[in-house]
Amino acid sequence: MADDRRGGGRRRDHRDDEDNEFTDKLVAINRVAKVVKGGRRFGFAALVVVGDQKGRVGFGHGKAREVPEAIRKATESAKRTLIRVPLREGRTLHHDVAGRHGAGKVFLRAAPAGTGIIAGGPMRAVFETLGIHDIVAKSLGSSNPYNMIRATFDALKDQDSPRSVAARRGLKVSELQSRRRDADITSETVLTSAEGEEQVEMANA
């Protein structure tokens, strides 16, 4: 009996440790109404972002008659939908990426160290809980927080690290980087030659 109680205590402690490693941010809270036979029944809807500030983040929404219960439901929902995002040097994205959901459109750009989080409202909450320290983000569509959050997650899901790309192609990271450098040099050579030909044509004309 005593061992079972100790085991249960250890399991509860483990769950408490997992809960403590997450940071949650309330993005939006709305008052909602449900029409029933006796009239309208009012409640609240909450949108919450949860992350461990180490590359995992999720969002969720919940509805309840009281605000604390709605936030609790949203937080639990967010923890069930966590995604892992590869970060470069643990502070920014590996490459620029765009995302959209409905009328929401966002564009995320990797930034050098010291830039900070240049983003507004809902997107800032996502980046802070994810653990990003340097990023430039722009919302080009709807300002609805639900659309902005979903568009941001759509962009983050397309984020790839050089290691994962190399693994898919059966290459080493160094080989992938050398091929990228060769491709950049080739494209620069093509552009330079095209500009030279254009200048010759203009001179002949």
C-alpha atoms as a PDB file:
ATOM      1  CA  MET A   1       0.000   0.000   0.000  1.00  0.00           C
ATOM      2  CA  ALA A   2       2.716   2.425   1.018  1.00  0.00           C
ATOM      3  CA  ASP A   3       4.697   1.609  -2.149  1.00  0.00           C
ATOM      4  CA  ASP A   4       1.619   2.289  -4.301  1.00  0.00           C
ATOM      5  CA  ARG A   5       1.139   5.645  -2.640  1.00  0.00           C
ATOM      6  CA  ARG A   6       4.785   6.536  -3.163  1.00  0.00           C
ATOM      7  CA  GLY A   7       4.562   5.465  -6.813  1.00  0.00           C
ATOM      8  CA  GLY A   8       1.476   7.624  -7.310  1.00  0.00           C
ATOM      9  CA  GLY A   9       3.284  10.513  -5.685  1.00  0.00           C
ATOM     10  CA  ARG A  10       6.199  10.075  -8.065  1.00  0.00           C
ATOM     11  CA  ARG A  11       3.842  10.094 -11.047  1.00  0.00           C
ATOM     12  CA  ARG A  12       2.179  13.265  -9.792  1.00  0.00           C
ATOM     13  CA  ASP A  13       5.572  14.884  -9.253  1.00  0.00           C
ATOM     14  CA  HIS A  14       6.538  13.959 -12.823  1.00  0.00           C
ATOM     15  CA  ARG A  15       3.371  15.595 -14.176  1.00  0.00           C
ATOM     16  CA  ASP A  16       4.008  18.684 -12.045  1.00  0.00           C
ATOM     17  CA  ASP A  17       7.560  18.933 -13.438  1.00  0.00           C
ATOM     18  CA  GLU A  18       6.202  18.741 -16.999  1.00  0.00           C
ATOM     19  CA  ASP A  19       3.646  21.470 -16.246  1.00  0.00           C
ATOM     20  CA  ASN A  20       6.324  23.703 -14.699  1.00  0.00           C
ATOM     21  CA  GLU A  21       8.537  23.580 -17.802  1.00  0.00           C
ATOM     22  CA  PHE A  22       5.845  25.222 -19.952  1.00  0.00           C
ATOM     23  CA  THR A  23       5.130  28.923 -20.279  1.00  0.00           C
ATOM     24  CA  ASP A  24       1.636  29.981 -21.291  1.00  0.00           C
ATOM     25  CA  LYS A  25       0.370  33.301 -22.637  1.00  0.00           C
ATOM     26  CA  LEU A  26      -3.232  34.419 -22.991  1.00  0.00           C
ATOM     27  CA  VAL A  27      -3.659  35.805 -26.520  1.00  0.00           C
ATOM     28  CA  ALA A  28      -7.377  36.649 -26.577  1.00  0.00           C
ATOM     29  CA  ILE A  29     -10.476  36.354 -24.419  1.00  0.00           C
ATOM     30  CA  ASN A  30     -13.945  36.868 -25.901  1.00  0.00           C
ATOM     31  CA  ARG A  31     -17.428  36.912 -24.429  1.00  0.00           C
ATOM     32  CA  VAL A  32     -19.697  34.490 -26.255  1.00  0.00           C
ATOM     33  CA  ALA A  33     -23.402  33.713 -26.020  1.00  0.00           C
ATOM     34  CA  LYS A  34     -25.390  30.550 -26.638  1.00  0.00           C
ATOM     35  CA  VAL A  35     -29.086  30.916 -27.453  1.00  0.00           C
ATOM     36  CA  VAL A  36     -31.227  28.419 -25.516  1.00  0.00           C
ATOM     37  CA  LYS A  37     -34.946  28.025 -24.929  1.00  0.00           C
ATOM     38  CA  GLY A  38     -34.943  30.283 -21.882  1.00  0.00           C
ATOM     39  CA  GLY A  39     -32.847  33.021 -23.477  1.00  0.00           C
ATOM     40  CA  ARG A  40     -29.116  33.557 -23.958  1.00  0.00           C
ATOM     41  CA  ARG A  41     -26.467  31.813 -21.893  1.00  0.00           C
ATOM     42  CA  PHE A  42     -23.239  33.811 -21.674  1.00  0.00           C
ATOM     43  CA  GLY A  43     -19.744  32.420 -21.403  1.00  0.00           C
ATOM     44  CA  PHE A  44     -16.117  33.113 -22.356  1.00  0.00           C
ATOM     45  CA  ALA A  45     -13.773  31.820 -25.060  1.00  0.00           C
ATOM     46  CA  ALA A  46      -9.996  31.919 -24.495  1.00  0.00           C
ATOM     47  CA  LEU A  47      -7.081  31.542 -26.909  1.00  0.00           C
ATOM     48  CA  VAL A  48      -3.806  30.451 -25.256  1.00  0.00           C
ATOM     49  CA  VAL A  49      -0.277  29.759 -26.537  1.00  0.00           C
ATOM     50  CA  VAL A  50       1.960  27.317 -24.610  1.00  0.00           C
ATOM     51  CA  GLY A  51       5.659  26.556 -25.075  1.00  0.00           C
ATOM     52  CA  ASP A  52       8.772  25.331 -23.280  1.00  0.00           C
ATOM     53  CA  GLN A  53      11.015  28.130 -24.699  1.00  0.00           C
ATOM     54  CA  LYS A  54      13.259  25.381 -26.119  1.00  0.00           C
ATOM     55  CA  GLY A  55      11.687  24.759 -29.514  1.00  0.00           C
ATOM     56  CA  ARG A  56       8.234  23.392 -28.658  1.00  0.00           C
ATOM     57  CA  VAL A  57       5.025  25.393 -28.932  1.00  0.00           C
ATOM     58  CA  GLY A  58       1.281  24.826 -29.248  1.00  0.00           C
ATOM     59  CA  PHE A  59      -1.985  26.741 -29.163  1.00  0.00           C
ATOM     60  CA  GLY A  60      -5.485  25.917 -28.027  1.00  0.00           C
ATOM     61  CA  HIS A  61      -8.846  27.484 -27.283  1.00  0.00           C
ATOM     62  CA  GLY A  62     -11.462  26.694 -24.689  1.00  0.00           C
ATOM     63  CA  LYS A  63     -14.950  27.845 -23.701  1.00  0.00           C
ATOM     64  CA  ALA A  64     -16.552  27.961 -20.250  1.00  0.00           C
ATOM     65  CA  ARG A  65     -18.973  29.941 -18.107  1.00  0.00           C
ATOM     66  CA  GLU A  66     -16.065  31.494 -16.169  1.00  0.00           C
ATOM     67  CA  VAL A  67     -12.802  33.026 -17.419  1.00  0.00           C
ATOM     68  CA  PRO A  68     -10.374  30.857 -15.346  1.00  0.00           C
ATOM     69  CA  GLU A  69     -12.019  27.644 -16.519  1.00  0.00           C
ATOM     70  CA  ALA A  70     -11.907  28.786 -20.161  1.00  0.00           C
ATOM     71  CA  ILE A  71      -8.186  29.554 -19.820  1.00  0.00           C
ATOM     72  CA  ARG A  72      -7.544  26.175 -18.177  1.00  0.00           C
ATOM     73  CA  LYS A  73      -9.312  24.344 -21.003  1.00  0.00           C
ATOM     74  CA  ALA A  74      -7.386  26.320 -23.633  1.00  0.00           C
ATOM     75  CA  THR A  75      -4.077  25.588 -21.895  1.00  0.00           C
ATOM     76  CA  GLU A  76      -4.779  21.854 -21.741  1.00  0.00           C
ATOM     77  CA  SER A  77      -5.771  21.885 -25.413  1.00  0.00           C
ATOM     78  CA  ALA A  78      -2.537  23.707 -26.333  1.00  0.00           C
ATOM     79  CA  LYS A  79      -0.386  21.128 -24.516  1.00  0.00           C
ATOM     80  CA  ARG A  80      -1.993  18.357 -26.593  1.00  0.00           C
ATOM     81  CA  THR A  81      -1.074  20.038 -29.896  1.00  0.00           C
ATOM     82  CA  LEU A  82       2.608  20.871 -29.353  1.00  0.00           C
ATOM     83  CA  ILE A  83       4.902  21.005 -32.379  1.00  0.00           C
ATOM     84  CA  ARG A  84       8.710  21.062 -32.444  1.00  0.00           C
ATOM     85  CA  VAL A  85      10.429  23.814 -34.443  1.00  0.00           C
ATOM     86  CA  PRO A  86      14.180  23.578 -35.250  1.00  0.00           C
ATOM     87  CA  LEU A  87      16.004  26.761 -34.245  1.00  0.00           C
ATOM     88  CA  ARG A  88      19.357  28.045 -35.459  1.00  0.00           C
ATOM     89  CA  GLU A  89      21.734  28.566 -32.538  1.00  0.00           C
ATOM     90  CA  GLY A  90      18.688  28.312 -30.278  1.00  0.00           C
ATOM     91  CA  ARG A  91      17.643  31.899 -31.046  1.00  0.00           C
ATOM     92  CA  THR A  92      16.206  32.324 -34.577  1.00  0.00           C
ATOM     93  CA  LEU A  93      14.853  30.498 -37.637  1.00  0.00           C
ATOM     94  CA  HIS A  94      17.007  28.622 -40.143  1.00  0.00           C
ATOM     95  CA  HIS A  95      15.391  30.322 -43.150  1.00  0.00           C
ATOM     96  CA  ASP A  96      12.648  32.757 -44.175  1.00  0.00           C
ATOM     97  CA  VAL A  97       9.178  31.279 -44.473  1.00  0.00           C
ATOM     98  CA  ALA A  98       5.595  32.331 -45.189  1.00  0.00           C
ATOM     99  CA  GLY A  99       2.316  30.916 -43.893  1.00  0.00           C
ATOM    100  CA  ARG A 100      -1.385  31.485 -44.304  1.00  0.00           C
ATOM    101  CA  HIS A 101      -4.717  30.415 -42.885  1.00  0.00           C
ATOM    102  CA  GLY A 102      -7.928  31.776 -44.334  1.00  0.00           C
ATOM    103  CA  ALA A 103      -7.479  35.535 -44.643  1.00  0.00           C
ATOM    104  CA  GLY A 104      -4.430  35.476 -42.355  1.00  0.00           C
ATOM    105  CA  LYS A 105      -1.026  35.785 -44.054  1.00  0.00           C
ATOM    106  CA  VAL A 106       2.319  36.081 -42.282  1.00  0.00           C
ATOM    107  CA  PHE A 107       5.954  36.291 -43.349  1.00  0.00           C
ATOM    108  CA  LEU A 108       8.765  35.321 -40.964  1.00  0.00           C
ATOM    109  CA  ARG A 109      12.427  36.227 -41.487  1.00  0.00           C
ATOM    110  CA  ALA A 110      15.510  34.965 -39.656  1.00  0.00           C
ATOM    111  CA  ALA A 111      17.463  37.783 -38.001  1.00  0.00           C
ATOM    112  CA  PRO A 112      21.018  38.346 -36.699  1.00  0.00           C
ATOM    113  CA  ALA A 113      21.803  38.275 -32.999  1.00  0.00           C
ATOM    114  CA  GLY A 114      20.640  41.337 -31.099  1.00  0.00           C
ATOM    115  CA  THR A 115      17.670  42.072 -33.375  1.00  0.00           C
ATOM    116  CA  GLY A 116      15.058  41.015 -30.840  1.00  0.00           C
ATOM    117  CA  ILE A 117      11.472  40.000 -31.564  1.00  0.00           C
ATOM    118  CA  ILE A 118      10.017  42.429 -34.095  1.00  0.00           C
ATOM    119  CA  ALA A 119       6.430  41.219 -34.245  1.00  0.00           C
ATOM    120  CA  GLY A 120       3.066  42.240 -32.938  1.00  0.00           C
ATOM    121  CA  GLY A 121       0.465  40.825 -30.574  1.00  0.00           C
ATOM    122  CA  PRO A 122      -0.384  37.166 -31.189  1.00  0.00           C
ATOM    123  CA  MET A 123       2.803  36.396 -33.157  1.00  0.00           C
ATOM    124  CA  ARG A 124       5.005  37.818 -30.391  1.00  0.00           C
ATOM    125  CA  ALA A 125       3.329  35.471 -27.878  1.00  0.00           C
ATOM    126  CA  VAL A 126       4.144  32.482 -30.118  1.00  0.00           C
ATOM    127  CA  PHE A 127       7.812  33.452 -30.520  1.00  0.00           C
ATOM    128  CA  GLU A 128       8.331  34.191 -26.816  1.00  0.00           C
ATOM    129  CA  THR A 129       6.898  30.842 -25.710  1.00  0.00           C
ATOM    130  CA  LEU A 130       8.799  29.037 -28.502  1.00  0.00           C
ATOM    131  CA  GLY A 131      12.130  30.458 -27.338  1.00  0.00           C
ATOM    132  CA  ILE A 132      13.003  32.645 -30.342  1.00  0.00           C
ATOM    133  CA  HIS A 133      15.086  35.725 -29.470  1.00  0.00           C
ATOM    134  CA  ASP A 134      15.732  37.258 -32.909  1.00  0.00           C
ATOM    135  CA  ILE A 135      13.097  37.405 -35.668  1.00  0.00           C
ATOM    136  CA  VAL A 136      11.327  39.854 -37.961  1.00  0.00           C
ATOM    137  CA  ALA A 137       7.669  39.003 -38.628  1.00  0.00           C
ATOM    138  CA  LYS A 138       4.993  40.751 -40.656  1.00  0.00           C
ATOM    139  CA  SER A 139       1.254  40.121 -40.827  1.00  0.00           C
ATOM    140  CA  LEU A 140      -0.078  40.849 -44.322  1.00  0.00           C
ATOM    141  CA  GLY A 141      -3.695  39.787 -43.968  1.00  0.00           C
ATOM    142  CA  SER A 142      -6.387  39.513 -41.326  1.00  0.00           C
ATOM    143  CA  SER A 143      -5.726  40.924 -37.856  1.00  0.00           C
ATOM    144  CA  ASN A 144      -8.005  38.309 -36.276  1.00  0.00           C
ATOM    145  CA  PRO A 145      -5.860  36.624 -33.582  1.00  0.00           C
ATOM    146  CA  TYR A 146      -7.154  33.137 -34.427  1.00  0.00           C
ATOM    147  CA  ASN A 147      -6.191  33.528 -38.107  1.00  0.00           C
ATOM    148  CA  MET A 148      -2.817  35.078 -37.225  1.00  0.00           C
ATOM    149  CA  ILE A 149      -1.938  32.277 -34.798  1.00  0.00           C
ATOM    150  CA  ARG A 150      -2.919  29.538 -37.265  1.00  0.00           C
ATOM    151  CA  ALA A 151      -1.015  31.249 -40.100  1.00  0.00           C
ATOM    152  CA  THR A 152       2.076  31.547 -37.878  1.00  0.00           C
ATOM    153  CA  PHE A 153       1.926  27.845 -37.022  1.00  0.00           C
ATOM    154  CA  ASP A 154       1.460  27.017 -40.715  1.00  0.00           C
ATOM    155  CA  ALA A 155       4.734  28.858 -41.391  1.00  0.00           C
ATOM    156  CA  LEU A 156       6.599  27.261 -38.478  1.00  0.00           C
ATOM    157  CA  LYS A 157       5.613  23.759 -39.628  1.00  0.00           C
ATOM    158  CA  ASP A 158       7.537  24.377 -42.881  1.00  0.00           C
ATOM    159  CA  GLN A 159      10.747  25.204 -40.988  1.00  0.00           C
ATOM    160  CA  ASP A 160      13.599  22.788 -41.755  1.00  0.00           C
ATOM    161  CA  SER A 161      17.090  22.473 -40.335  1.00  0.00           C
ATOM    162  CA  PRO A 162      20.139  21.678 -42.523  1.00  0.00           C
ATOM    163  CA  ARG A 163      20.497  18.381 -40.654  1.00  0.00           C
ATOM    164  CA  SER A 164      16.974  17.183 -41.557  1.00  0.00           C
ATOM    165  CA  VAL A 165      17.347  18.284 -45.196  1.00  0.00           C
ATOM    166  CA  ALA A 166      20.702  16.470 -45.463  1.00  0.00           C
ATOM    167  CA  ALA A 167      19.187  13.333 -43.915  1.00  0.00           C
ATOM    168  CA  ARG A 168      16.343  13.318 -46.465  1.00  0.00           C
ATOM    169  CA  ARG A 169      18.804  13.658 -49.345  1.00  0.00           C
ATOM    170  CA  GLY A 170      21.254  11.120 -47.954  1.00  0.00           C
ATOM    171  CA  LEU A 171      24.032  13.686 -47.637  1.00  0.00           C
ATOM    172  CA  LYS A 172      26.220  15.110 -44.927  1.00  0.00           C
ATOM    173  CA  VAL A 173      25.573  18.649 -43.697  1.00  0.00           C
ATOM    174  CA  SER A 174      28.978  19.778 -45.016  1.00  0.00           C
ATOM    175  CA  GLU A 175      28.156  18.378 -48.490  1.00  0.00           C
ATOM    176  CA  LEU A 176      24.795  20.154 -48.472  1.00  0.00           C
ATOM    177  CA  GLN A 177      26.416  23.457 -47.511  1.00  0.00           C
ATOM    178  CA  SER A 178      29.094  23.120 -50.202  1.00  0.00           C
ATOM    179  CA  ARG A 179      26.418  22.433 -52.854  1.00  0.00           C
ATOM    180  CA  ARG A 180      24.512  25.499 -51.693  1.00  0.00           C
ATOM    181  CA  ARG A 181      27.654  27.643 -51.978  1.00  0.00           C
ATOM    182  CA  ASP A 182      28.292  26.287 -55.495  1.00  0.00           C
ATOM    183  CA  ALA A 183      24.688  27.083 -56.472  1.00  0.00           C
ATOM    184  CA  ASP A 184      25.012  30.640 -55.115  1.00  0.00           C
ATOM    185  CA  ILE A 185      28.269  31.172 -57.057  1.00  0.00           C
ATOM    186  CA  THR A 186      26.651  29.835 -60.252  1.00  0.00           C
ATOM    187  CA  SER A 187      23.609  32.094 -59.902  1.00  0.00           C
ATOM    188  CA  GLU A 188      25.836  35.126 -59.300  1.00  0.00           C
ATOM    189  CA  THR A 189      27.885  34.264 -62.421  1.00  0.00           C
ATOM    190  CA  VAL A 190      24.722  33.943 -64.530  1.00  0.00           C
ATOM    191  CA  LEU A 191      23.398  37.282 -63.293  1.00  0.00           C
ATOM    192  CA  THR A 192      26.743  38.997 -63.941  1.00  0.00           C
ATOM    193  CA  SER A 193      26.965  37.633 -67.484  1.00  0.00           C
ATOM    194  CA  ALA A 194      23.334  38.609 -68.191  1.00  0.00           C
ATOM    195  CA  GLU A 195      24.015  42.172 -66.998  1.00  0.00           C
ATOM    196  CA  GLY A 196      27.125  42.316 -69.204  1.00  0.00           C
ATOM    197  CA  GLU A 197      25.180  41.175 -72.275  1.00  0.00           C
ATOM    198  CA  GLU A 198      22.458  43.730 -71.560  1.00  0.00           C
ATOM    199  CA  GLN A 199      25.044  46.538 -71.338  1.00  0.00           C
ATOM    200  CA  VAL A 200      26.621  45.449 -74.657  1.00  0.00           C
ATOM    201  CA  GLU A 201      23.214  45.428 -76.359  1.00  0.00           C
ATOM    202  CA  MET A 202      22.432  48.911 -75.012  1.00  0.00           C
ATOM    203  CA  ALA A 203      25.838  50.188 -76.242  1.00  0.00           C
ATOM    204  CA  ASN A 204      25.287  48.737 -79.729  1.00  0.00           C
ATOM    205  CA  ALA A 205      21.826  50.246 -79.908  1.00  0.00           C
END
